Amino acid sequence: QVQLVESGGGLVQAGGSLRLSCAASGSIFSFNFMGWYRQAPGKQRELVASITRGGITTYADSVKGRSTISRDNAKKTMYLQMNSLKLEDTAVYYCNFRDSASYWGQGTQVTVSS
C-alpha cells in the first residue's frame, strides 16, 4: 500500500506560478503511470498531465505549453510545475499512481485570483 501526499497548492494571482508535489510513502519506480488530475467545483475530474516510467509525458490541451510534469524516483516524488496560471486553473489537484492498483492523494487546492 502506497500513500500519496500532495503539497504546493495555494492562492496565486493570474499569471503566476506554482509547483505541486506528490510524495509517496514508498518506492515509485514500479509505477508505470503517474498523473495529475484536477476537479473544479461542479465539474468532473480531468487528467491534467501524466508521465510514464519511461518518461513519456502527456498534457491536456488546457495546460499544454504552461505546465511540466516530472518525477524523481530517488525522492519518491512527482511534480507539476504550472506557469502563466489562469482563473480556470482553479481546482483541487490530485495525484494518481498506478501499477496493478490505483492510488490517490488527498488533493491540494489551487486558487487563481484576478
C-alpha atoms as a PDB file:
ATOM      1  CA  GLN A   1       0.000   0.000   0.000  1.00  0.00           C
ATOM      2  CA  VAL A   2       1.406   3.371  -1.037  1.00  0.00           C
ATOM      3  CA  GLN A   3       0.261   6.641   0.470  1.00  0.00           C
ATOM      4  CA  LEU A   4       0.452   9.843  -1.550  1.00  0.00           C
ATOM      5  CA  VAL A   5       0.593  13.335  -0.138  1.00  0.00           C
ATOM      6  CA  GLU A   6       0.195  16.396  -2.319  1.00  0.00           C
ATOM      7  CA  SER A   7       1.567  19.802  -1.424  1.00  0.00           C
ATOM      8  CA  GLY A   8       2.328  23.123  -3.042  1.00  0.00           C
ATOM      9  CA  GLY A   9      -1.160  24.380  -3.680  1.00  0.00           C
ATOM     10  CA  GLY A  10      -2.339  27.783  -2.603  1.00  0.00           C
ATOM     11  CA  LEU A  11      -3.636  31.147  -3.677  1.00  0.00           C
ATOM     12  CA  VAL A  12      -1.847  32.775  -6.583  1.00  0.00           C
ATOM     13  CA  GLN A  13      -2.589  35.666  -8.893  1.00  0.00           C
ATOM     14  CA  ALA A  14      -3.317  35.080 -12.549  1.00  0.00           C
ATOM     15  CA  GLY A  15      -0.071  34.876 -14.460  1.00  0.00           C
ATOM     16  CA  GLY A  16       1.776  33.430 -11.501  1.00  0.00           C
ATOM     17  CA  SER A  17       3.361  30.023 -10.978  1.00  0.00           C
ATOM     18  CA  LEU A  18       3.077  27.095  -8.613  1.00  0.00           C
ATOM     19  CA  ARG A  19       4.887  23.801  -8.252  1.00  0.00           C
ATOM     20  CA  LEU A  20       2.815  20.941  -6.945  1.00  0.00           C
ATOM     21  CA  SER A  21       4.482  17.943  -5.351  1.00  0.00           C
ATOM     22  CA  CYS A  22       3.204  14.446  -4.732  1.00  0.00           C
ATOM     23  CA  ALA A  23       5.302  12.498  -2.275  1.00  0.00           C
ATOM     24  CA  ALA A  24       4.944   8.741  -1.974  1.00  0.00           C
ATOM     25  CA  SER A  25       5.489   6.662   1.143  1.00  0.00           C
ATOM     26  CA  GLY A  26       7.371   4.009  -0.808  1.00  0.00           C
ATOM     27  CA  SER A  27       9.308   3.439  -3.994  1.00  0.00           C
ATOM     28  CA  ILE A  28       7.716   4.838  -7.131  1.00  0.00           C
ATOM     29  CA  PHE A  29       9.993   3.087  -9.599  1.00  0.00           C
ATOM     30  CA  SER A  30       7.466   0.404 -10.486  1.00  0.00           C
ATOM     31  CA  PHE A  31       4.606   2.753 -11.272  1.00  0.00           C
ATOM     32  CA  ASN A  32       4.114   2.872 -14.999  1.00  0.00           C
ATOM     33  CA  PHE A  33       1.509   5.639 -14.841  1.00  0.00           C
ATOM     34  CA  MET A  34       1.709   8.718 -12.691  1.00  0.00           C
ATOM     35  CA  GLY A  35      -0.639  11.579 -13.264  1.00  0.00           C
ATOM     36  CA  TRP A  36      -2.103  14.832 -12.037  1.00  0.00           C
ATOM     37  CA  TYR A  37      -5.860  15.290 -12.143  1.00  0.00           C
ATOM     38  CA  ARG A  38      -7.940  18.269 -11.158  1.00  0.00           C
ATOM     39  CA  GLN A  39     -11.542  18.828 -10.227  1.00  0.00           C
ATOM     40  CA  ALA A  40     -13.199  22.223 -10.270  1.00  0.00           C
ATOM     41  CA  PRO A  41     -16.496  22.849  -8.461  1.00  0.00           C
ATOM     42  CA  GLY A  42     -19.389  21.341 -10.375  1.00  0.00           C
ATOM     43  CA  LYS A  43     -17.104  19.680 -12.913  1.00  0.00           C
ATOM     44  CA  GLN A  44     -15.786  16.205 -13.470  1.00  0.00           C
ATOM     45  CA  ARG A  45     -12.273  15.257 -12.513  1.00  0.00           C
ATOM     46  CA  GLU A  46      -9.980  15.611 -15.503  1.00  0.00           C
ATOM     47  CA  LEU A  47      -6.491  14.437 -16.343  1.00  0.00           C
ATOM     48  CA  VAL A  48      -4.086  17.370 -16.488  1.00  0.00           C
ATOM     49  CA  ALA A  49      -0.776  15.649 -17.148  1.00  0.00           C
ATOM     50  CA  SER A  50       0.815  12.239 -16.920  1.00  0.00           C
ATOM     51  CA  ILE A  51       4.237  10.643 -17.052  1.00  0.00           C
ATOM     52  CA  THR A  52       5.211   7.041 -17.617  1.00  0.00           C
ATOM     53  CA  ARG A  53       8.047   5.083 -16.060  1.00  0.00           C
ATOM     54  CA  GLY A  54       9.965   5.688 -19.272  1.00  0.00           C
ATOM     55  CA  GLY A  55       9.441   9.425 -19.023  1.00  0.00           C
ATOM     56  CA  ILE A  56       6.805   9.842 -21.726  1.00  0.00           C
ATOM     57  CA  THR A  57       4.588  12.794 -20.863  1.00  0.00           C
ATOM     58  CA  THR A  58       1.136  13.868 -21.932  1.00  0.00           C
ATOM     59  CA  TYR A  59      -0.723  17.079 -21.241  1.00  0.00           C
ATOM     60  CA  ALA A  60      -4.273  18.288 -21.503  1.00  0.00           C
ATOM     61  CA  ASP A  61      -4.679  20.942 -24.170  1.00  0.00           C
ATOM     62  CA  SER A  62      -5.722  23.401 -21.481  1.00  0.00           C
ATOM     63  CA  VAL A  63      -2.298  23.305 -19.795  1.00  0.00           C
ATOM     64  CA  LYS A  64      -0.011  22.369 -22.684  1.00  0.00           C
ATOM     65  CA  GLY A  65       2.874  24.774 -23.003  1.00  0.00           C
ATOM     66  CA  ARG A  66       2.307  26.136 -19.494  1.00  0.00           C
ATOM     67  CA  SER A  67       2.955  23.071 -17.384  1.00  0.00           C
ATOM     68  CA  THR A  68       5.686  20.498 -16.891  1.00  0.00           C
ATOM     69  CA  ILE A  69       5.280  17.151 -15.179  1.00  0.00           C
ATOM     70  CA  SER A  70       8.305  15.346 -13.813  1.00  0.00           C
ATOM     71  CA  ARG A  71       9.233  12.552 -11.451  1.00  0.00           C
ATOM     72  CA  ASP A  72      12.190  11.965  -9.176  1.00  0.00           C
ATOM     73  CA  ASN A  73      12.419   8.288  -8.322  1.00  0.00           C
ATOM     74  CA  ALA A  74      15.134   8.865  -5.738  1.00  0.00           C
ATOM     75  CA  LYS A  75      12.971  11.357  -3.871  1.00  0.00           C
ATOM     76  CA  LYS A  76       9.826   9.283  -4.464  1.00  0.00           C
ATOM     77  CA  THR A  77       8.099  12.416  -5.686  1.00  0.00           C
ATOM     78  CA  MET A  78       6.225  13.637  -8.729  1.00  0.00           C
ATOM     79  CA  TYR A  79       5.931  17.304  -9.595  1.00  0.00           C
ATOM     80  CA  LEU A  80       3.751  19.579 -11.659  1.00  0.00           C
ATOM     81  CA  GLN A  81       5.196  22.966 -12.494  1.00  0.00           C
ATOM     82  CA  MET A  82       2.426  25.307 -13.570  1.00  0.00           C
ATOM     83  CA  ASN A  83       3.168  28.691 -15.111  1.00  0.00           C
ATOM     84  CA  SER A  84       1.054  31.511 -16.502  1.00  0.00           C
ATOM     85  CA  LEU A  85      -1.795  30.390 -14.292  1.00  0.00           C
ATOM     86  CA  LYS A  86      -5.317  31.281 -15.363  1.00  0.00           C
ATOM     87  CA  LEU A  87      -8.535  31.683 -13.427  1.00  0.00           C
ATOM     88  CA  GLU A  88      -9.769  28.448 -14.977  1.00  0.00           C
ATOM     89  CA  ASP A  89      -6.890  26.530 -13.402  1.00  0.00           C
ATOM     90  CA  THR A  90      -8.642  26.899 -10.056  1.00  0.00           C
ATOM     91  CA  ALA A  91      -9.398  23.397  -8.794  1.00  0.00           C
ATOM     92  CA  VAL A  92      -8.392  20.711  -6.356  1.00  0.00           C
ATOM     93  CA  TYR A  93      -5.417  18.868  -7.793  1.00  0.00           C
ATOM     94  CA  TYR A  94      -4.937  15.163  -7.143  1.00  0.00           C
ATOM     95  CA  CYS A  95      -2.064  12.847  -7.917  1.00  0.00           C
ATOM     96  CA  ASN A  96      -2.641   9.291  -9.061  1.00  0.00           C
ATOM     97  CA  PHE A  97      -0.149   6.453  -9.304  1.00  0.00           C
ATOM     98  CA  ARG A  98      -0.958   3.148 -10.994  1.00  0.00           C
ATOM     99  CA  ASP A  99       0.617  -0.250 -11.261  1.00  0.00           C
ATOM    100  CA  SER A 100      -1.605  -3.241 -10.539  1.00  0.00           C
ATOM    101  CA  ALA A 101      -3.563  -0.924  -8.238  1.00  0.00           C
ATOM    102  CA  SER A 102      -4.506   2.740  -8.287  1.00  0.00           C
ATOM    103  CA  TYR A 103      -3.530   5.150  -5.550  1.00  0.00           C
ATOM    104  CA  TRP A 104      -4.805   8.676  -4.986  1.00  0.00           C
ATOM    105  CA  GLY A 105      -3.653  11.541  -2.851  1.00  0.00           C
ATOM    106  CA  GLN A 106      -5.988  13.650  -0.760  1.00  0.00           C
ATOM    107  CA  GLY A 107      -5.786  16.670  -3.039  1.00  0.00           C
ATOM    108  CA  THR A 108      -4.366  20.163  -2.811  1.00  0.00           C
ATOM    109  CA  GLN A 109      -6.332  23.316  -3.552  1.00  0.00           C
ATOM    110  CA  VAL A 110      -5.117  25.705  -6.218  1.00  0.00           C
ATOM    111  CA  THR A 111      -6.923  29.028  -6.388  1.00  0.00           C
ATOM    112  CA  VAL A 112      -6.051  31.570  -9.051  1.00  0.00           C
ATOM    113  CA  SER A 113      -7.279  35.113  -8.446  1.00  0.00           C
ATOM    114  CA  SER A 114      -7.588  38.032 -10.838  1.00  0.00           C
END
